[in-house]
Amino acid sequence: MGSRVTCLSESTIVGLLEGGLPGDQRAEIEAHLDACASCRRVVVDLTAALTRSSSAAEDHTTDPAQRPDHGAELQLGAMVGRFVALDRIGRGGMGTVYTAYDPELDRNIALK
């Protein structure tokens, strides 16, 4: 990508959510997301859709060994209520803190 990112394609957003982008490209895309409400909305909508389909599949799992570990680390793009997890910023004895995006307030927040 050049020094100026245009609005993101769906494949770029999926690559970001799956963690498949190099660090410099990811930083450039995150900077674009900070400035582009339209692209942030697409990220939130796509993440919600992926989370719903993933949750539906997990709900049908009957084997306890196959069920998700709810104490596990959040993945980039995971939905927690209305928040979208962006990055882990710290971990301690009382829990893990993430940077997350709040689409209602249109800003980043800290999420524990």
Protein backbone atom coordinates (compact mmCIF):
# COMPACT_ATOMS: atom_id res chain seq x y z
CA MET A 1 0.00 0.00 0.00
CA GLY A 2 1.07 3.55 -0.56
CA SER A 3 1.25 6.28 2.02
CA ARG A 4 -2.44 7.00 1.66
CA VAL A 5 -5.03 4.28 2.24
CA THR A 6 -8.30 4.48 0.35
CA CYS A 7 -11.40 2.86 1.83
CA LEU A 8 -10.75 -0.76 2.65
CA SER A 9 -11.90 -3.75 0.63
CA GLU A 10 -13.68 -6.61 2.36
CA SER A 11 -10.69 -8.89 1.72
CA THR A 12 -8.37 -6.37 3.43
CA ILE A 13 -10.73 -6.20 6.44
CA VAL A 14 -10.89 -10.01 6.64
CA GLY A 15 -7.07 -10.12 6.49
CA LEU A 16 -6.93 -7.60 9.33
CA LEU A 17 -9.41 -9.56 11.46
CA GLU A 18 -7.61 -12.84 10.82
CA GLY A 19 -4.24 -11.31 11.67
CA GLY A 20 -2.81 -12.12 8.25
CA LEU A 21 -1.35 -8.70 7.44
CA PRO A 22 2.24 -7.54 7.99
CA GLY A 23 2.73 -5.12 10.90
CA ASP A 24 3.42 -2.04 8.77
CA GLN A 25 0.34 -2.65 6.61
CA ARG A 26 -1.77 -3.31 9.71
CA ALA A 27 -0.60 -0.04 11.30
CA GLU A 28 -1.49 1.88 8.15
CA ILE A 29 -4.94 0.27 7.99
CA GLU A 30 -5.58 0.94 11.69
CA ALA A 31 -4.66 4.60 11.13
CA HIS A 32 -7.18 4.69 8.28
CA LEU A 33 -9.82 3.13 10.54
CA ASP A 34 -9.17 5.83 13.15
CA ALA A 35 -10.09 8.45 10.55
CA CYS A 36 -12.82 6.68 8.53
CA ALA A 37 -16.18 6.08 10.22
CA SER A 38 -17.48 4.29 7.12
CA CYS A 39 -14.73 1.65 7.21
CA ARG A 40 -15.06 1.27 11.00
CA ARG A 41 -18.77 0.50 10.48
CA VAL A 42 -17.91 -2.16 7.87
CA VAL A 43 -15.40 -3.74 10.30
CA VAL A 44 -18.00 -3.80 13.08
CA ASP A 45 -20.72 -5.23 10.81
CA LEU A 46 -18.42 -7.89 9.35
CA THR A 47 -17.11 -8.84 12.79
CA ALA A 48 -20.66 -9.14 14.13
CA ALA A 49 -21.65 -11.35 11.20
CA LEU A 50 -18.61 -13.60 11.65
CA THR A 51 -19.20 -13.80 15.41
CA ARG A 52 -22.87 -14.73 14.96
CA SER A 53 -22.01 -17.54 12.55
CA SER A 54 -19.21 -18.77 14.83
CA SER A 55 -21.43 -18.63 17.94
CA ALA A 56 -24.19 -20.53 16.17
CA ALA A 57 -21.74 -23.33 15.35
CA GLU A 58 -20.42 -23.41 18.95
CA ASP A 59 -23.95 -23.55 20.39
CA HIS A 60 -24.50 -26.88 18.64
CA THR A 61 -21.41 -28.50 20.14
CA THR A 62 -22.39 -31.12 22.73
CA ASP A 63 -18.93 -32.48 23.57
CA PRO A 64 -17.57 -30.43 26.53
CA ALA A 65 -14.01 -30.88 25.22
CA GLN A 66 -15.09 -29.10 22.01
CA ARG A 67 -16.74 -26.11 23.73
CA PRO A 68 -14.94 -22.75 23.72
CA ASP A 69 -12.79 -21.76 26.70
CA HIS A 70 -14.43 -18.57 27.93
CA GLY A 71 -11.27 -17.68 29.87
CA ALA A 72 -9.22 -17.75 26.68
CA GLU A 73 -7.60 -14.67 25.19
CA LEU A 74 -9.79 -12.60 22.86
CA GLN A 75 -8.98 -12.73 19.18
CA LEU A 76 -8.54 -9.58 17.13
CA GLY A 77 -12.01 -8.54 15.98
CA ALA A 78 -13.91 -10.55 18.61
CA MET A 79 -17.18 -8.97 19.73
CA VAL A 80 -17.75 -8.46 23.47
CA GLY A 81 -21.21 -7.01 23.72
CA ARG A 82 -21.15 -4.01 21.42
CA PHE A 83 -17.35 -3.69 21.61
CA VAL A 84 -14.83 -4.97 19.03
CA ALA A 85 -11.52 -6.19 20.50
CA LEU A 86 -8.59 -4.56 18.71
CA ASP A 87 -5.44 -5.47 20.63
CA ARG A 88 -4.24 -6.82 23.99
CA ILE A 89 -2.48 -4.06 25.90
CA GLY A 90 -1.77 -5.76 29.22
CA ARG A 91 -2.28 -8.75 31.47
CA GLY A 92 -2.04 -9.13 35.22
CA GLY A 93 -3.39 -11.00 38.22
CA MET A 94 -6.79 -9.33 37.92
CA GLY A 95 -7.31 -9.95 34.21
CA THR A 96 -6.39 -8.91 30.71
CA VAL A 97 -6.93 -5.43 29.27
CA TYR A 98 -7.68 -4.85 25.59
CA THR A 99 -8.06 -1.84 23.35
CA ALA A 100 -11.56 -2.11 21.89
CA TYR A 101 -13.74 -0.06 19.58
CA ASP A 102 -17.15 1.19 20.77
CA PRO A 103 -19.34 1.82 17.70
CA GLU A 104 -21.99 3.67 19.74
CA LEU A 105 -19.46 6.24 20.98
CA ASP A 106 -17.32 5.97 17.81
CA ARG A 107 -14.08 5.76 19.78
CA ASN A 108 -11.57 3.32 21.24
CA ILE A 109 -11.94 2.22 24.86
CA ALA A 110 -10.09 -0.02 27.33
CA LEU A 111 -11.83 -3.34 27.98
CA LYS A 112 -11.02 -5.65 30.88
